[in-house]
Amino acid sequence: MEPVRTIDDLENRGFDVEEGIAMCAGDEDIYMEVLDAALEEGREKIPLIRQLYEEKSYERYCIEVHGLKNAMKSIGANHLSEAARTQEFAVKENNLNLVDEGVDALLTEYQQVVDALEELMANQ
């Protein structure tokens, strides 16, 4: 896997950088700030989401994946945003089998996003 040294390198990790910048009023500096915030949040949210799932705290889990969906959309991590959306609606529809099937993939992908952002920030 190619290293992430610039925001353009995020494209190789599945980010839609152009969309992310557009979501930040077209300002690359704001985008970098949002990416940094997403990194910090991810470090906290990954263990929290796993804990909520393991505790079967589905209402709170739903709230967290809803927030994840929006946060990832705002940085152009659209695939993760869509995975979070799937989890959110699975909980709302009480389709807990779908939640069970998707939680590990969701958290693995979230960790990959955090790892990519850590690489990026280390090179700034």
PDB file of N, CA and C in Angstrom:
ATOM      1  N   MET A   1       0.849  -1.180   0.000  1.00  0.00           N
ATOM      2  CA  MET A   1       0.000   0.000   0.000  1.00  0.00           C
ATOM      3  C   MET A   1       0.894   1.243   0.000  1.00  0.00           C
ATOM      4  N   GLU A   2       0.539   2.196  -0.833  1.00  0.00           N
ATOM      5  CA  GLU A   2       1.305   3.434  -0.949  1.00  0.00           C
ATOM      6  C   GLU A   2       1.196   4.253   0.346  1.00  0.00           C
ATOM      7  N   PRO A   3       2.289   4.912   0.750  1.00  0.00           N
ATOM      8  CA  PRO A   3       2.217   5.764   1.947  1.00  0.00           C
ATOM      9  C   PRO A   3       1.357   7.001   1.698  1.00  0.00           C
ATOM     10  N   VAL A   4       0.835   7.558   2.770  1.00  0.00           N
ATOM     11  CA  VAL A   4       0.020   8.765   2.685  1.00  0.00           C
ATOM     12  C   VAL A   4       0.876   9.929   3.183  1.00  0.00           C
ATOM     13  N   ARG A   5       1.332  10.738   2.228  1.00  0.00           N
ATOM     14  CA  ARG A   5       2.176  11.886   2.568  1.00  0.00           C
ATOM     15  C   ARG A   5       1.448  13.212   2.337  1.00  0.00           C
ATOM     16  N   THR A   6       0.516  13.194   1.384  1.00  0.00           N
ATOM     17  CA  THR A   6      -0.249  14.399   1.056  1.00  0.00           C
ATOM     18  C   THR A   6      -1.725  14.033   0.992  1.00  0.00           C
ATOM     19  N   ILE A   7      -2.583  15.051   0.972  1.00  0.00           N
ATOM     20  CA  ILE A   7      -4.017  14.737   0.889  1.00  0.00           C
ATOM     21  C   ILE A   7      -4.347  14.020  -0.417  1.00  0.00           C
ATOM     22  N   ASP A   8      -3.588  14.288  -1.462  1.00  0.00           N
ATOM     23  CA  ASP A   8      -3.841  13.585  -2.727  1.00  0.00           C
ATOM     24  C   ASP A   8      -3.619  12.077  -2.586  1.00  0.00           C
ATOM     25  N   ASP A   9      -2.692  11.685  -1.698  1.00  0.00           N
ATOM     26  CA  ASP A   9      -2.438  10.261  -1.467  1.00  0.00           C
ATOM     27  C   ASP A   9      -3.633   9.551  -0.824  1.00  0.00           C
ATOM     28  N   LEU A  10      -4.523  10.321  -0.211  1.00  0.00           N
ATOM     29  CA  LEU A  10      -5.719   9.709   0.382  1.00  0.00           C
ATOM     30  C   LEU A  10      -6.600   9.064  -0.675  1.00  0.00           C
ATOM     31  N   GLU A  11      -6.519   9.546  -1.909  1.00  0.00           N
ATOM     32  CA  GLU A  11      -7.287   8.946  -3.009  1.00  0.00           C
ATOM     33  C   GLU A  11      -6.969   7.454  -3.127  1.00  0.00           C
ATOM     34  N   ASN A  12      -5.688   7.102  -2.901  1.00  0.00           N
ATOM     35  CA  ASN A  12      -5.278   5.695  -2.985  1.00  0.00           C
ATOM     36  C   ASN A  12      -5.853   4.848  -1.865  1.00  0.00           C
ATOM     37  N   ARG A  13      -6.391   5.494  -0.850  1.00  0.00           N
ATOM     38  CA  ARG A  13      -7.013   4.794   0.282  1.00  0.00           C
ATOM     39  C   ARG A  13      -8.536   4.884   0.236  1.00  0.00           C
ATOM     40  N   GLY A  14      -9.057   5.322  -0.905  1.00  0.00           N
ATOM     41  CA  GLY A  14     -10.507   5.318  -1.094  1.00  0.00           C
ATOM     42  C   GLY A  14     -11.222   6.609  -0.741  1.00  0.00           C
ATOM     43  N   PHE A  15     -10.487   7.644  -0.416  1.00  0.00           N
ATOM     44  CA  PHE A  15     -11.106   8.934  -0.111  1.00  0.00           C
ATOM     45  C   PHE A  15     -11.453   9.667  -1.400  1.00  0.00           C
ATOM     46  N   ASP A  16     -12.548  10.381  -1.390  1.00  0.00           N
ATOM     47  CA  ASP A  16     -12.868  11.318  -2.461  1.00  0.00           C
ATOM     48  C   ASP A  16     -12.437  12.691  -1.954  1.00  0.00           C
ATOM     49  N   VAL A  17     -11.172  13.008  -2.183  1.00  0.00           N
ATOM     50  CA  VAL A  17     -10.576  14.226  -1.643  1.00  0.00           C
ATOM     51  C   VAL A  17     -11.273  15.462  -2.202  1.00  0.00           C
ATOM     52  N   GLU A  18     -11.582  15.429  -3.476  1.00  0.00           N
ATOM     53  CA  GLU A  18     -12.253  16.580  -4.096  1.00  0.00           C
ATOM     54  C   GLU A  18     -13.583  16.862  -3.402  1.00  0.00           C
ATOM     55  N   GLU A  19     -14.349  15.822  -3.126  1.00  0.00           N
ATOM     56  CA  GLU A  19     -15.627  15.996  -2.423  1.00  0.00           C
ATOM     57  C   GLU A  19     -15.394  16.499  -1.004  1.00  0.00           C
ATOM     58  N   GLY A  20     -14.374  15.956  -0.334  1.00  0.00           N
ATOM     59  CA  GLY A  20     -14.070  16.393   1.021  1.00  0.00           C
ATOM     60  C   GLY A  20     -13.722  17.867   1.074  1.00  0.00           C
ATOM     61  N   ILE A  21     -12.899  18.316   0.136  1.00  0.00           N
ATOM     62  CA  ILE A  21     -12.539  19.731   0.087  1.00  0.00           C
ATOM     63  C   ILE A  21     -13.771  20.570  -0.218  1.00  0.00           C
ATOM     64  N   ALA A  22     -14.609  20.094  -1.131  1.00  0.00           N
ATOM     65  CA  ALA A  22     -15.846  20.820  -1.458  1.00  0.00           C
ATOM     66  C   ALA A  22     -16.741  20.951  -0.233  1.00  0.00           C
ATOM     67  N   MET A  23     -16.769  19.923   0.607  1.00  0.00           N
ATOM     68  CA  MET A  23     -17.577  19.966   1.832  1.00  0.00           C
ATOM     69  C   MET A  23     -17.007  20.966   2.845  1.00  0.00           C
ATOM     70  N   CYS A  24     -15.766  21.387   2.614  1.00  0.00           N
ATOM     71  CA  CYS A  24     -15.088  22.356   3.491  1.00  0.00           C
ATOM     72  C   CYS A  24     -14.968  23.701   2.779  1.00  0.00           C
ATOM     73  N   ALA A  25     -16.012  24.084   2.098  1.00  0.00           N
ATOM     74  CA  ALA A  25     -16.088  25.376   1.400  1.00  0.00           C
ATOM     75  C   ALA A  25     -14.964  25.556   0.382  1.00  0.00           C
ATOM     76  N   GLY A  26     -14.444  24.437  -0.132  1.00  0.00           N
ATOM     77  CA  GLY A  26     -13.398  24.511  -1.135  1.00  0.00           C
ATOM     78  C   GLY A  26     -12.046  24.914  -0.580  1.00  0.00           C
ATOM     79  N   ASP A  27     -11.902  24.885   0.732  1.00  0.00           N
ATOM     80  CA  ASP A  27     -10.679  25.355   1.389  1.00  0.00           C
ATOM     81  C   ASP A  27      -9.852  24.158   1.878  1.00  0.00           C
ATOM     82  N   GLU A  28      -8.687  23.979   1.284  1.00  0.00           N
ATOM     83  CA  GLU A  28      -7.832  22.849   1.625  1.00  0.00           C
ATOM     84  C   GLU A  28      -7.338  22.912   3.079  1.00  0.00           C
ATOM     85  N   ASP A  29      -7.089  24.115   3.591  1.00  0.00           N
ATOM     86  CA  ASP A  29      -6.651  24.258   4.984  1.00  0.00           C
ATOM     87  C   ASP A  29      -7.746  23.814   5.953  1.00  0.00           C
ATOM     88  N   ILE A  30      -8.986  24.179   5.650  1.00  0.00           N
ATOM     89  CA  ILE A  30     -10.108  23.738   6.487  1.00  0.00           C
ATOM     90  C   ILE A  30     -10.231  22.223   6.403  1.00  0.00           C
ATOM     91  N   TYR A  31     -10.069  21.678   5.199  1.00  0.00           N
ATOM     92  CA  TYR A  31     -10.125  20.221   5.015  1.00  0.00           C
ATOM     93  C   TYR A  31      -9.087  19.532   5.903  1.00  0.00           C
ATOM     94  N   MET A  32      -7.882  20.074   5.949  1.00  0.00           N
ATOM     95  CA  MET A  32      -6.838  19.489   6.793  1.00  0.00           C
ATOM     96  C   MET A  32      -7.244  19.542   8.269  1.00  0.00           C
ATOM     97  N   GLU A  33      -7.865  20.623   8.684  1.00  0.00           N
ATOM     98  CA  GLU A  33      -8.335  20.735  10.068  1.00  0.00           C
ATOM     99  C   GLU A  33      -9.420  19.695  10.354  1.00  0.00           C
ATOM    100  N   VAL A  34     -10.306  19.507   9.400  1.00  0.00           N
ATOM    101  CA  VAL A  34     -11.389  18.525   9.560  1.00  0.00           C
ATOM    102  C   VAL A  34     -10.805  17.112   9.590  1.00  0.00           C
ATOM    103  N   LEU A  35      -9.807  16.854   8.757  1.00  0.00           N
ATOM    104  CA  LEU A  35      -9.151  15.543   8.775  1.00  0.00           C
ATOM    105  C   LEU A  35      -8.491  15.288  10.129  1.00  0.00           C
ATOM    106  N   ASP A  36      -7.845  16.313  10.674  1.00  0.00           N
ATOM    107  CA  ASP A  36      -7.201  16.170  11.981  1.00  0.00           C
ATOM    108  C   ASP A  36      -8.239  15.891  13.071  1.00  0.00           C
ATOM    109  N   ALA A  37      -9.361  16.588  13.005  1.00  0.00           N
ATOM    110  CA  ALA A  37     -10.441  16.348  13.975  1.00  0.00           C
ATOM    111  C   ALA A  37     -10.999  14.929  13.819  1.00  0.00           C
ATOM    112  N   ALA A  38     -11.137  14.471  12.574  1.00  0.00           N
ATOM    113  CA  ALA A  38     -11.643  13.119  12.318  1.00  0.00           C
ATOM    114  C   ALA A  38     -10.680  12.073  12.876  1.00  0.00           C
ATOM    115  N   LEU A  39      -9.397  12.346  12.775  1.00  0.00           N
ATOM    116  CA  LEU A  39      -8.396  11.438  13.335  1.00  0.00           C
ATOM    117  C   LEU A  39      -8.546  11.342  14.846  1.00  0.00           C
ATOM    118  N   GLU A  40      -8.609  12.468  15.508  1.00  0.00           N
ATOM    119  CA  GLU A  40      -8.747  12.477  16.969  1.00  0.00           C
ATOM    120  C   GLU A  40     -10.032  11.785  17.399  1.00  0.00           C
ATOM    121  N   GLU A  41     -11.109  12.071  16.700  1.00  0.00           N
ATOM    122  CA  GLU A  41     -12.391  11.456  17.038  1.00  0.00           C
ATOM    123  C   GLU A  41     -12.345   9.954  16.826  1.00  0.00           C
ATOM    124  N   GLY A  42     -11.719   9.532  15.735  1.00  0.00           N
ATOM    125  CA  GLY A  42     -11.634   8.106  15.433  1.00  0.00           C
ATOM    126  C   GLY A  42     -10.914   7.319  16.504  1.00  0.00           C
ATOM    127  N   ARG A  43      -9.869   7.904  17.056  1.00  0.00           N
ATOM    128  CA  ARG A  43      -9.122   7.233  18.123  1.00  0.00           C
ATOM    129  C   ARG A  43     -10.016   6.940  19.321  1.00  0.00           C
ATOM    130  N   GLU A  44     -10.993   7.807  19.565  1.00  0.00           N
ATOM    131  CA  GLU A  44     -11.920   7.619  20.682  1.00  0.00           C
ATOM    132  C   GLU A  44     -13.119   6.746  20.301  1.00  0.00           C
ATOM    133  N   LYS A  45     -13.606   6.936  19.077  1.00  0.00           N
ATOM    134  CA  LYS A  45     -14.872   6.315  18.698  1.00  0.00           C
ATOM    135  C   LYS A  45     -14.769   4.835  18.362  1.00  0.00           C
ATOM    136  N   ILE A  46     -13.635   4.399  17.836  1.00  0.00           N
ATOM    137  CA  ILE A  46     -13.523   2.973  17.483  1.00  0.00           C
ATOM    138  C   ILE A  46     -13.745   2.098  18.716  1.00  0.00           C
ATOM    139  N   PRO A  47     -13.026   2.322  19.816  1.00  0.00           N
ATOM    140  CA  PRO A  47     -13.292   1.468  20.989  1.00  0.00           C
ATOM    141  C   PRO A  47     -14.694   1.682  21.564  1.00  0.00           C
ATOM    142  N   LEU A  48     -15.210   2.905  21.472  1.00  0.00           N
ATOM    143  CA  LEU A  48     -16.555   3.170  21.991  1.00  0.00           C
ATOM    144  C   LEU A  48     -17.602   2.403  21.187  1.00  0.00           C
ATOM    145  N   ILE A  49     -17.513   2.447  19.878  1.00  0.00           N
ATOM    146  CA  ILE A  49     -18.492   1.740  19.037  1.00  0.00           C
ATOM    147  C   ILE A  49     -18.422   0.238  19.304  1.00  0.00           C
ATOM    148  N   ARG A  50     -17.208  -0.287  19.414  1.00  0.00           N
ATOM    149  CA  ARG A  50     -17.074  -1.722  19.713  1.00  0.00           C
ATOM    150  C   ARG A  50     -17.709  -2.049  21.068  1.00  0.00           C
ATOM    151  N   GLN A  51     -17.451  -1.225  22.071  1.00  0.00           N
ATOM    152  CA  GLN A  51     -18.009  -1.452  23.404  1.00  0.00           C
ATOM    153  C   GLN A  51     -19.538  -1.416  23.367  1.00  0.00           C
ATOM    154  N   LEU A  52     -20.089  -0.428  22.698  1.00  0.00           N
ATOM    155  CA  LEU A  52     -21.546  -0.319  22.620  1.00  0.00           C
ATOM    156  C   LEU A  52     -22.148  -1.537  21.937  1.00  0.00           C
ATOM    157  N   TYR A  53     -21.502  -2.005  20.884  1.00  0.00           N
ATOM    158  CA  TYR A  53     -21.980  -3.200  20.194  1.00  0.00           C
ATOM    159  C   TYR A  53     -21.915  -4.402  21.140  1.00  0.00           C
ATOM    160  N   GLU A  54     -20.787  -4.586  21.798  1.00  0.00           N
ATOM    161  CA  GLU A  54     -20.627  -5.743  22.684  1.00  0.00           C
ATOM    162  C   GLU A  54     -21.603  -5.714  23.849  1.00  0.00           C
ATOM    163  N   GLU A  55     -21.936  -4.508  24.315  1.00  0.00           N
ATOM    164  CA  GLU A  55     -22.896  -4.365  25.409  1.00  0.00           C
ATOM    165  C   GLU A  55     -24.343  -4.424  24.921  1.00  0.00           C
ATOM    166  N   LYS A  56     -24.503  -4.508  23.616  1.00  0.00           N
ATOM    167  CA  LYS A  56     -25.831  -4.523  22.988  1.00  0.00           C
ATOM    168  C   LYS A  56     -26.619  -3.246  23.310  1.00  0.00           C
ATOM    169  N   SER A  57     -25.879  -2.142  23.413  1.00  0.00           N
ATOM    170  CA  SER A  57     -26.480  -0.815  23.631  1.00  0.00           C
ATOM    171  C   SER A  57     -26.821  -0.239  22.266  1.00  0.00           C
ATOM    172  N   TYR A  58     -27.836  -0.842  21.647  1.00  0.00           N
ATOM    173  CA  TYR A  58     -28.121  -0.544  20.250  1.00  0.00           C
ATOM    174  C   TYR A  58     -28.590   0.887  20.013  1.00  0.00           C
ATOM    175  N   GLU A  59     -29.289   1.475  20.950  1.00  0.00           N
ATOM    176  CA  GLU A  59     -29.740   2.850  20.755  1.00  0.00           C
ATOM    177  C   GLU A  59     -28.538   3.791  20.659  1.00  0.00           C
ATOM    178  N   ARG A  60     -27.623   3.649  21.582  1.00  0.00           N
ATOM    179  CA  ARG A  60     -26.413   4.492  21.568  1.00  0.00           C
ATOM    180  C   ARG A  60     -25.520   4.131  20.384  1.00  0.00           C
ATOM    181  N   TYR A  61     -25.443   2.851  20.054  1.00  0.00           N
ATOM    182  CA  TYR A  61     -24.678   2.397  18.881  1.00  0.00           C
ATOM    183  C   TYR A  61     -25.211   3.084  17.629  1.00  0.00           C
ATOM    184  N   CYS A  62     -26.519   3.140  17.513  1.00  0.00           N
ATOM    185  CA  CYS A  62     -27.158   3.777  16.365  1.00  0.00           C
ATOM    186  C   CYS A  62     -26.773   5.257  16.291  1.00  0.00           C
ATOM    187  N   ILE A  63     -26.765   5.922  17.426  1.00  0.00           N
ATOM    188  CA  ILE A  63     -26.384   7.342  17.463  1.00  0.00           C
ATOM    189  C   ILE A  63     -24.938   7.514  17.007  1.00  0.00           C
ATOM    190  N   GLU A  64     -24.066   6.656  17.481  1.00  0.00           N
ATOM    191  CA  GLU A  64     -22.644   6.759  17.127  1.00  0.00           C
ATOM    192  C   GLU A  64     -22.394   6.467  15.652  1.00  0.00           C
ATOM    193  N   VAL A  65     -23.043   5.446  15.098  1.00  0.00           N
ATOM    194  CA  VAL A  65     -22.816   5.163  13.674  1.00  0.00           C
ATOM    195  C   VAL A  65     -23.470   6.226  12.793  1.00  0.00           C
ATOM    196  N   HIS A  66     -24.540   6.843  13.281  1.00  0.00           N
ATOM    197  CA  HIS A  66     -25.132   7.974  12.556  1.00  0.00           C
ATOM    198  C   HIS A  66     -24.113   9.116  12.478  1.00  0.00           C
ATOM    199  N   GLY A  67     -23.482   9.435  13.582  1.00  0.00           N
ATOM    200  CA  GLY A  67     -22.455  10.474  13.595  1.00  0.00           C
ATOM    201  C   GLY A  67     -21.270  10.108  12.713  1.00  0.00           C
ATOM    202  N   LEU A  68     -20.886   8.841  12.751  1.00  0.00           N
ATOM    203  CA  LEU A  68     -19.797   8.358  11.908  1.00  0.00           C
ATOM    204  C   LEU A  68     -20.144   8.533  10.437  1.00  0.00           C
ATOM    205  N   LYS A  69     -21.362   8.198  10.089  1.00  0.00           N
ATOM    206  CA  LYS A  69     -21.817   8.339   8.694  1.00  0.00           C
ATOM    207  C   LYS A  69     -21.602   9.763   8.208  1.00  0.00           C
ATOM    208  N   ASN A  70     -22.024  10.725   8.993  1.00  0.00           N
ATOM    209  CA  ASN A  70     -21.912  12.129   8.600  1.00  0.00           C
ATOM    210  C   ASN A  70     -20.463  12.611   8.609  1.00  0.00           C
ATOM    211  N   ALA A  71     -19.709  12.218   9.621  1.00  0.00           N
ATOM    212  CA  ALA A  71     -18.309  12.644   9.722  1.00  0.00           C
ATOM    213  C   ALA A  71     -17.496  12.120   8.544  1.00  0.00           C
ATOM    214  N   MET A  72     -17.715  10.887   8.172  1.00  0.00           N
ATOM    215  CA  MET A  72     -16.939  10.307   7.076  1.00  0.00           C
ATOM    216  C   MET A  72     -17.351  10.901   5.725  1.00  0.00           C
ATOM    217  N   LYS A  73     -18.619  11.225   5.588  1.00  0.00           N
ATOM    218  CA  LYS A  73     -19.068  11.898   4.366  1.00  0.00           C
ATOM    219  C   LYS A  73     -18.372  13.245   4.231  1.00  0.00           C
ATOM    220  N   SER A  74     -18.173  13.933   5.352  1.00  0.00           N
ATOM    221  CA  SER A  74     -17.581  15.272   5.317  1.00  0.00           C
ATOM    222  C   SER A  74     -16.105  15.260   4.941  1.00  0.00           C
ATOM    223  N   ILE A  75     -15.434  14.111   5.037  1.00  0.00           N
ATOM    224  CA  ILE A  75     -14.028  14.046   4.647  1.00  0.00           C
ATOM    225  C   ILE A  75     -13.824  13.256   3.356  1.00  0.00           C
ATOM    226  N   GLY A  76     -14.904  12.808   2.761  1.00  0.00           N
ATOM    227  CA  GLY A  76     -14.794  12.065   1.509  1.00  0.00           C
ATOM    228  C   GLY A  76     -14.520  10.584   1.683  1.00  0.00           C
ATOM    229  N   ALA A  77     -14.682  10.062   2.894  1.00  0.00           N
ATOM    230  CA  ALA A  77     -14.535   8.626   3.138  1.00  0.00           C
ATOM    231  C   ALA A  77     -15.907   7.983   2.918  1.00  0.00           C
ATOM    232  N   ASN A  78     -16.338   8.023   1.666  1.00  0.00           N
ATOM    233  CA  ASN A  78     -17.717   7.666   1.327  1.00  0.00           C
ATOM    234  C   ASN A  78     -18.052   6.200   1.552  1.00  0.00           C
ATOM    235  N   HIS A  79     -17.100   5.319   1.332  1.00  0.00           N
ATOM    236  CA  HIS A  79     -17.388   3.900   1.533  1.00  0.00           C
ATOM    237  C   HIS A  79     -17.675   3.621   3.003  1.00  0.00           C
ATOM    238  N   LEU A  80     -16.871   4.220   3.893  1.00  0.00           N
ATOM    239  CA  LEU A  80     -17.108   4.053   5.333  1.00  0.00           C
ATOM    240  C   LEU A  80     -18.412   4.728   5.734  1.00  0.00           C
ATOM    241  N   SER A  81     -18.697   5.869   5.150  1.00  0.00           N
ATOM    242  CA  SER A  81     -19.957   6.557   5.425  1.00  0.00           C
ATOM    243  C   SER A  81     -21.140   5.649   5.074  1.00  0.00           C
ATOM    244  N   GLU A  82     -21.053   4.990   3.950  1.00  0.00           N
ATOM    245  CA  GLU A  82     -22.135   4.105   3.518  1.00  0.00           C
ATOM    246  C   GLU A  82     -22.240   2.875   4.425  1.00  0.00           C
ATOM    247  N   ALA A  83     -21.111   2.349   4.859  1.00  0.00           N
ATOM    248  CA  ALA A  83     -21.128   1.202   5.784  1.00  0.00           C
ATOM    249  C   ALA A  83     -21.783   1.602   7.104  1.00  0.00           C
ATOM    250  N   ALA A  84     -21.492   2.810   7.571  1.00  0.00           N
ATOM    251  CA  ALA A  84     -22.109   3.302   8.804  1.00  0.00           C
ATOM    252  C   ALA A  84     -23.606   3.490   8.605  1.00  0.00           C
ATOM    253  N   ARG A  85     -23.987   3.985   7.431  1.00  0.00           N
ATOM    254  CA  ARG A  85     -25.407   4.154   7.115  1.00  0.00           C
ATOM    255  C   ARG A  85     -26.126   2.799   7.167  1.00  0.00           C
ATOM    256  N   THR A  86     -25.502   1.778   6.615  1.00  0.00           N
ATOM    257  CA  THR A  86     -26.089   0.435   6.624  1.00  0.00           C
ATOM    258  C   THR A  86     -26.297  -0.037   8.059  1.00  0.00           C
ATOM    259  N   GLN A  87     -25.303   0.193   8.919  1.00  0.00           N
ATOM    260  CA  GLN A  87     -25.416  -0.203  10.320  1.00  0.00           C
ATOM    261  C   GLN A  87     -26.519   0.590  11.027  1.00  0.00           C
ATOM    262  N   GLU A  88     -26.561   1.886  10.761  1.00  0.00           N
ATOM    263  CA  GLU A  88     -27.584   2.736  11.377  1.00  0.00           C
ATOM    264  C   GLU A  88     -28.989   2.226  11.045  1.00  0.00           C
ATOM    265  N   PHE A  89     -29.235   1.970   9.767  1.00  0.00           N
ATOM    266  CA  PHE A  89     -30.570   1.543   9.376  1.00  0.00           C
ATOM    267  C   PHE A  89     -30.864   0.111   9.800  1.00  0.00           C
ATOM    268  N   ALA A  90     -29.839  -0.713   9.922  1.00  0.00           N
ATOM    269  CA  ALA A  90     -30.046  -2.071  10.431  1.00  0.00           C
ATOM    270  C   ALA A  90     -30.564  -2.015  11.866  1.00  0.00           C
ATOM    271  N   VAL A  91     -29.997  -1.118  12.669  1.00  0.00           N
ATOM    272  CA  VAL A  91     -30.469  -0.971  14.053  1.00  0.00           C
ATOM    273  C   VAL A  91     -31.889  -0.417  14.045  1.00  0.00           C
ATOM    274  N   LYS A  92     -32.135   0.621  13.265  1.00  0.00           N
ATOM    275  CA  LYS A  92     -33.468   1.233  13.230  1.00  0.00           C
ATOM    276  C   LYS A  92     -34.533   0.247  12.800  1.00  0.00           C
ATOM    277  N   GLU A  93     -34.155  -0.692  11.935  1.00  0.00           N
ATOM    278  CA  GLU A  93     -35.106  -1.710  11.455  1.00  0.00           C
ATOM    279  C   GLU A  93     -35.061  -2.966  12.310  1.00  0.00           C
ATOM    280  N   ASN A  94     -34.301  -2.913  13.409  1.00  0.00           N
ATOM    281  CA  ASN A  94     -34.145  -4.051  14.327  1.00  0.00           C
ATOM    282  C   ASN A  94     -33.630  -5.296  13.603  1.00  0.00           C
ATOM    283  N   ASN A  95     -32.781  -5.081  12.598  1.00  0.00           N
ATOM    284  CA  ASN A  95     -32.163  -6.187  11.871  1.00  0.00           C
ATOM    285  C   ASN A  95     -30.789  -6.442  12.497  1.00  0.00           C
ATOM    286  N   LEU A  96     -30.810  -7.063  13.655  1.00  0.00           N
ATOM    287  CA  LEU A  96     -29.587  -7.242  14.418  1.00  0.00           C
ATOM    288  C   LEU A  96     -28.641  -8.252  13.781  1.00  0.00           C
ATOM    289  N   ASN A  97     -29.156  -9.140  12.948  1.00  0.00           N
ATOM    290  CA  ASN A  97     -28.274 -10.043  12.205  1.00  0.00           C
ATOM    291  C   ASN A  97     -27.377  -9.246  11.262  1.00  0.00           C
ATOM    292  N   LEU A  98     -27.943  -8.236  10.610  1.00  0.00           N
ATOM    293  CA  LEU A  98     -27.158  -7.387   9.713  1.00  0.00           C
ATOM    294  C   LEU A  98     -26.123  -6.583  10.504  1.00  0.00           C
ATOM    295  N   VAL A  99     -26.501  -6.131  11.696  1.00  0.00           N
ATOM    296  CA  VAL A  99     -25.547  -5.438  12.559  1.00  0.00           C
ATOM    297  C   VAL A  99     -24.395  -6.388  12.879  1.00  0.00           C
ATOM    298  N   ASP A 100     -24.733  -7.607  13.308  1.00  0.00           N
ATOM    299  CA  ASP A 100     -23.709  -8.597  13.652  1.00  0.00           C
ATOM    300  C   ASP A 100     -22.785  -8.881  12.462  1.00  0.00           C
ATOM    301  N   GLU A 101     -23.358  -8.972  11.277  1.00  0.00           N
ATOM    302  CA  GLU A 101     -22.581  -9.281  10.082  1.00  0.00           C
ATOM    303  C   GLU A 101     -21.661  -8.140   9.675  1.00  0.00           C
ATOM    304  N   GLY A 102     -22.033  -6.905   9.990  1.00  0.00           N
ATOM    305  CA  GLY A 102     -21.294  -5.766   9.467  1.00  0.00           C
ATOM    306  C   GLY A 102     -20.401  -5.025  10.422  1.00  0.00           C
ATOM    307  N   VAL A 103     -20.523  -5.281  11.712  1.00  0.00           N
ATOM    308  CA  VAL A 103     -19.791  -4.469  12.687  1.00  0.00           C
ATOM    309  C   VAL A 103     -18.280  -4.618  12.557  1.00  0.00           C
ATOM    310  N   ASP A 104     -17.779  -5.822  12.370  1.00  0.00           N
ATOM    311  CA  ASP A 104     -16.328  -5.998  12.283  1.00  0.00           C
ATOM    312  C   ASP A 104     -15.758  -5.311  11.046  1.00  0.00           C
ATOM    313  N   ALA A 105     -16.441  -5.449   9.929  1.00  0.00           N
ATOM    314  CA  ALA A 105     -15.980  -4.788   8.700  1.00  0.00           C
ATOM    315  C   ALA A 105     -16.006  -3.269   8.869  1.00  0.00           C
ATOM    316  N   LEU A 106     -17.045  -2.770   9.514  1.00  0.00           N
ATOM    317  CA  LEU A 106     -17.160  -1.332   9.767  1.00  0.00           C
ATOM    318  C   LEU A 106     -15.980  -0.843  10.595  1.00  0.00           C
ATOM    319  N   LEU A 107     -15.692  -1.523  11.688  1.00  0.00           N
ATOM    320  CA  LEU A 107     -14.615  -1.091  12.577  1.00  0.00           C
ATOM    321  C   LEU A 107     -13.238  -1.273  11.941  1.00  0.00           C
ATOM    322  N   THR A 108     -13.077  -2.308  11.138  1.00  0.00           N
ATOM    323  CA  THR A 108     -11.812  -2.503  10.418  1.00  0.00           C
ATOM    324  C   THR A 108     -11.591  -1.363   9.431  1.00  0.00           C
ATOM    325  N   GLU A 109     -12.623  -1.019   8.700  1.00  0.00           N
ATOM    326  CA  GLU A 109     -12.499   0.075   7.741  1.00  0.00           C
ATOM    327  C   GLU A 109     -12.269   1.407   8.452  1.00  0.00           C
ATOM    328  N   TYR A 110     -12.938   1.604   9.575  1.00  0.00           N
ATOM    329  CA  TYR A 110     -12.737   2.834  10.350  1.00  0.00           C
ATOM    330  C   TYR A 110     -11.279   2.917  10.803  1.00  0.00           C
ATOM    331  N   GLN A 111     -10.722   1.795  11.252  1.00  0.00           N
ATOM    332  CA  GLN A 111      -9.319   1.781  11.671  1.00  0.00           C
ATOM    333  C   GLN A 111      -8.401   2.106  10.490  1.00  0.00           C
ATOM    334  N   GLN A 112      -8.728   1.625   9.311  1.00  0.00           N
ATOM    335  CA  GLN A 112      -7.921   1.923   8.124  1.00  0.00           C
ATOM    336  C   GLN A 112      -7.961   3.415   7.792  1.00  0.00           C
ATOM    337  N   VAL A 113      -9.116   4.034   7.971  1.00  0.00           N
ATOM    338  CA  VAL A 113      -9.233   5.476   7.761  1.00  0.00           C
ATOM    339  C   VAL A 113      -8.366   6.217   8.781  1.00  0.00           C
ATOM    340  N   VAL A 114      -8.453   5.827  10.040  1.00  0.00           N
ATOM    341  CA  VAL A 114      -7.645   6.455  11.088  1.00  0.00           C
ATOM    342  C   VAL A 114      -6.153   6.261  10.795  1.00  0.00           C
ATOM    343  N   ASP A 115      -5.771   5.072  10.375  1.00  0.00           N
ATOM    344  CA  ASP A 115      -4.364   4.800  10.059  1.00  0.00           C
ATOM    345  C   ASP A 115      -3.882   5.705   8.922  1.00  0.00           C
ATOM    346  N   ALA A 116      -4.700   5.874   7.892  1.00  0.00           N
ATOM    347  CA  ALA A 116      -4.334   6.740   6.771  1.00  0.00           C
ATOM    348  C   ALA A 116      -4.183   8.186   7.238  1.00  0.00           C
ATOM    349  N   LEU A 117      -5.084   8.630   8.101  1.00  0.00           N
ATOM    350  CA  LEU A 117      -5.003   9.999   8.607  1.00  0.00           C
ATOM    351  C   LEU A 117      -3.788  10.185   9.510  1.00  0.00           C
ATOM    352  N   GLU A 118      -3.451   9.164  10.285  1.00  0.00           N
ATOM    353  CA  GLU A 118      -2.247   9.240  11.119  1.00  0.00           C
ATOM    354  C   GLU A 118      -1.005   9.386  10.251  1.00  0.00           C
ATOM    355  N   GLU A 119      -0.938   8.612   9.157  1.00  0.00           N
ATOM    356  CA  GLU A 119       0.189   8.729   8.235  1.00  0.00           C
ATOM    357  C   GLU A 119       0.265  10.131   7.653  1.00  0.00           C
ATOM    358  N   LEU A 120      -0.871  10.640   7.234  1.00  0.00           N
ATOM    359  CA  LEU A 120      -0.913  11.976   6.642  1.00  0.00           C
ATOM    360  C   LEU A 120      -0.409  13.019   7.636  1.00  0.00           C
ATOM    361  N   MET A 121      -0.942  12.994   8.850  1.00  0.00           N
ATOM    362  CA  MET A 121      -0.588  14.005   9.842  1.00  0.00           C
ATOM    363  C   MET A 121       0.873  13.893  10.271  1.00  0.00           C
ATOM    364  N   ALA A 122       1.419  12.700  10.261  1.00  0.00           N
ATOM    365  CA  ALA A 122       2.822  12.507  10.621  1.00  0.00           C
ATOM    366  C   ALA A 122       3.748  13.150   9.582  1.00  0.00           C
ATOM    367  N   ASN A 123       3.252  13.342   8.368  1.00  0.00           N
ATOM    368  CA  ASN A 123       4.047  13.912   7.288  1.00  0.00           C
ATOM    369  C   ASN A 123       3.784  15.398   7.070  1.00  0.00           C
ATOM    370  N   GLN A 124       3.048  16.019   7.983  1.00  0.00           N
ATOM    371  CA  GLN A 124       2.755  17.458   7.829  1.00  0.00           C
ATOM    372  C   GLN A 124       3.746  18.316   8.577  1.00  0.00           C
TER     373      GLN A 124
END
